[in-house]
C-alpha atoms as a PDB file:
ATOM      1  CA  MET A   1       2.207  -0.280  16.570  1.00  0.00           C
ATOM      2  CA  LEU A   2       0.628  -1.786  13.423  1.00  0.00           C
ATOM      3  CA  HIS A   3       2.395  -3.308  10.839  1.00  0.00           C
ATOM      4  CA  LEU A   4       0.846  -3.763   7.310  1.00  0.00           C
ATOM      5  CA  VAL A   5       2.955  -6.585   4.941  1.00  0.00           C
ATOM      6  CA  PHE A   6       2.614  -6.511   1.642  1.00  0.00           C
ATOM      7  CA  GLU A   7       5.418  -9.073   0.589  1.00  0.00           C
ATOM      8  CA  ILE A   8       7.267 -11.462   3.152  1.00  0.00           C
ATOM      9  CA  SER A   9      10.825 -11.728   3.467  1.00  0.00           C
ATOM     10  CA  ALA A  10      13.115 -13.098   6.311  1.00  0.00           C
ATOM     11  CA  GLU A  11      14.222  -9.452   7.079  1.00  0.00           C
ATOM     12  CA  VAL A  12      10.651  -8.215   7.489  1.00  0.00           C
ATOM     13  CA  LEU A  13       9.555 -11.282   9.478  1.00  0.00           C
ATOM     14  CA  ALA A  14      12.547 -10.990  11.845  1.00  0.00           C
ATOM     15  CA  ARG A  15      11.310  -7.219  12.777  1.00  0.00           C
ATOM     16  CA  LEU A  16       7.645  -8.449  13.333  1.00  0.00           C
ATOM     17  CA  GLN A  17       8.151 -10.485  16.463  1.00  0.00           C
ATOM     18  CA  ASN A  18       6.743  -9.109  19.693  1.00  0.00           C
ATOM     19  CA  GLN A  19       4.764  -6.301  17.875  1.00  0.00           C
ATOM     20  CA  THR A  20       1.248  -5.066  18.778  1.00  0.00           C
ATOM     21  CA  ALA A  21      -0.358  -6.364  15.446  1.00  0.00           C
ATOM     22  CA  VAL A  22       0.534  -7.464  12.088  1.00  0.00           C
ATOM     23  CA  ILE A  23      -1.767  -7.438   8.880  1.00  0.00           C
ATOM     24  CA  PHE A  24      -0.657  -9.352   5.947  1.00  0.00           C
ATOM     25  CA  LEU A  25      -2.178  -7.908   2.750  1.00  0.00           C
ATOM     26  CA  ASN A  26      -2.001  -8.473  -0.977  1.00  0.00           C
ATOM     27  CA  ASN A  27       0.448 -11.192  -2.422  1.00  0.00           C
ATOM     28  CA  ALA A  28       1.856 -11.578   1.178  1.00  0.00           C
ATOM     29  CA  VAL A  29      -0.956 -14.065   1.858  1.00  0.00           C
ATOM     30  CA  LEU A  30       0.560 -16.353  -0.321  1.00  0.00           C
ATOM     31  CA  GLY A  31       3.382 -16.931   2.155  1.00  0.00           C
ATOM     32  CA  LEU A  32       0.965 -17.674   5.083  1.00  0.00           C
ATOM     33  CA  LEU A  33      -0.048 -21.016   3.910  1.00  0.00           C
ATOM     34  CA  LYS A  34       0.767 -24.206   6.284  1.00  0.00           C
ATOM     35  CA  ASN A  35       4.128 -25.818   5.297  1.00  0.00           C
ATOM     36  CA  SER A  36       5.500 -22.386   3.672  1.00  0.00           C
ATOM     37  CA  GLN A  37       9.117 -21.658   4.114  1.00  0.00           C
ATOM     38  CA  TRP A  38       7.920 -19.136   6.454  1.00  0.00           C
ATOM     39  CA  GLN A  39       5.808 -21.222   8.572  1.00  0.00           C
ATOM     40  CA  ASN A  40       8.129 -21.400  11.704  1.00  0.00           C
ATOM     41  CA  GLU A  41       8.729 -17.557  11.784  1.00  0.00           C
ATOM     42  CA  LEU A  42       4.950 -16.876  11.285  1.00  0.00           C
ATOM     43  CA  ALA A  43       4.132 -18.826  14.395  1.00  0.00           C
ATOM     44  CA  MET A  44       6.125 -16.498  16.555  1.00  0.00           C
ATOM     45  CA  ILE A  45       4.234 -13.339  15.242  1.00  0.00           C
ATOM     46  CA  THR A  46       1.111 -12.705  17.415  1.00  0.00           C
ATOM     47  CA  PRO A  47      -1.531 -11.228  16.854  1.00  0.00           C
ATOM     48  CA  SER A  48      -1.205 -11.755  13.032  1.00  0.00           C
ATOM     49  CA  TYR A  49      -4.181 -10.892  10.618  1.00  0.00           C
ATOM     50  CA  VAL A  50      -5.022 -11.372   6.893  1.00  0.00           C
ATOM     51  CA  LEU A  51      -7.542  -9.456   4.945  1.00  0.00           C
ATOM     52  CA  ASN A  52     -10.273 -11.785   4.258  1.00  0.00           C
ATOM     53  CA  ASP A  53     -10.793 -10.633   0.552  1.00  0.00           C
ATOM     54  CA  ASP A  54      -7.272 -11.137  -0.346  1.00  0.00           C
ATOM     55  CA  LEU A  55      -7.564 -14.845   0.804  1.00  0.00           C
ATOM     56  CA  ILE A  56     -10.796 -14.859  -1.502  1.00  0.00           C
ATOM     57  CA  LEU A  57      -9.284 -13.170  -4.378  1.00  0.00           C
ATOM     58  CA  ARG A  58      -6.371 -15.847  -4.437  1.00  0.00           C
ATOM     59  CA  GLY A  59      -8.794 -18.684  -3.709  1.00  0.00           C
ATOM     60  CA  ILE A  60      -7.153 -19.635  -0.287  1.00  0.00           C
ATOM     61  CA  GLU A  61      -9.376 -21.146   2.382  1.00  0.00           C
ATOM     62  CA  ALA A  62      -8.621 -20.041   5.946  1.00  0.00           C
ATOM     63  CA  ASP A  63      -8.154 -23.419   7.069  1.00  0.00           C
ATOM     64  CA  LEU A  64      -5.129 -23.626   5.028  1.00  0.00           C
ATOM     65  CA  LEU A  65      -3.108 -20.970   6.891  1.00  0.00           C
ATOM     66  CA  VAL A  66      -0.606 -21.007   9.641  1.00  0.00           C
ATOM     67  CA  ASP A  67      -2.697 -21.632  12.621  1.00  0.00           C
ATOM     68  CA  ASN A  68      -2.235 -18.169  14.419  1.00  0.00           C
ATOM     69  CA  ILE A  69      -3.299 -16.049  11.591  1.00  0.00           C
ATOM     70  CA  VAL A  70      -6.702 -14.769  11.791  1.00  0.00           C
ATOM     71  CA  PRO A  71      -8.875 -13.736   8.749  1.00  0.00           C
ATOM     72  CA  ILE A  72     -10.223 -10.169   9.009  1.00  0.00           C
ATOM     73  CA  ASP A  73     -12.897  -7.912   7.033  1.00  0.00           C
ATOM     74  CA  TYR A  74     -12.588  -4.262   6.228  1.00  0.00           C
ATOM     75  CA  ALA A  75     -14.393  -3.183   9.370  1.00  0.00           C
ATOM     76  CA  GLU A  76     -11.897  -5.210  11.463  1.00  0.00           C
ATOM     77  CA  PHE A  77      -9.032  -3.676   9.358  1.00  0.00           C
ATOM     78  CA  VAL A  78     -10.128  -0.092  10.140  1.00  0.00           C
ATOM     79  CA  LYS A  79     -10.730  -0.893  13.973  1.00  0.00           C
ATOM     80  CA  LEU A  80      -7.143  -2.044  14.135  1.00  0.00           C
ATOM     81  CA  THR A  81      -5.507   0.887  12.267  1.00  0.00           C
ATOM     82  CA  VAL A  82      -7.316   3.293  14.603  1.00  0.00           C
ATOM     83  CA  GLU A  83      -6.440   1.210  17.933  1.00  0.00           C
ATOM     84  CA  ASN A  84      -2.764   0.674  16.758  1.00  0.00           C
ATOM     85  CA  THR A  85      -0.775   3.642  16.104  1.00  0.00           C
ATOM     86  CA  PRO A  86       1.607   4.464  14.417  1.00  0.00           C
ATOM     87  CA  ILE A  87       1.355   2.319  11.503  1.00  0.00           C
ATOM     88  CA  GLN A  88       4.536   0.930   9.486  1.00  0.00           C
ATOM     89  CA  THR A  89       4.134  -0.528   5.807  1.00  0.00           C
ATOM     90  CA  TRP A  90       6.439  -3.242   4.555  1.00  0.00           C
ATOM     91  CA  THR A  91       6.487  -3.631   0.614  1.00  0.00           C
END
């Protein structure tokens, strides 16, 4: 299963542990920074991805993210959506 996360909350993060794949999008990327309030919860969610264009749009460098978050491009995004069905969206 693929989870698309548009907004981070404690409830959403609790449901994402031990999942197939998680992609953080839009303003959810703001919560992926090291030393964020979500750092411990995010460390337990693997694999975790973030759309690189969302990072660029917000001026965030990849080295500022929690260590297990992997930036991806649109081609990788599409590949993950094809390989991981069904898809759950969290807004």
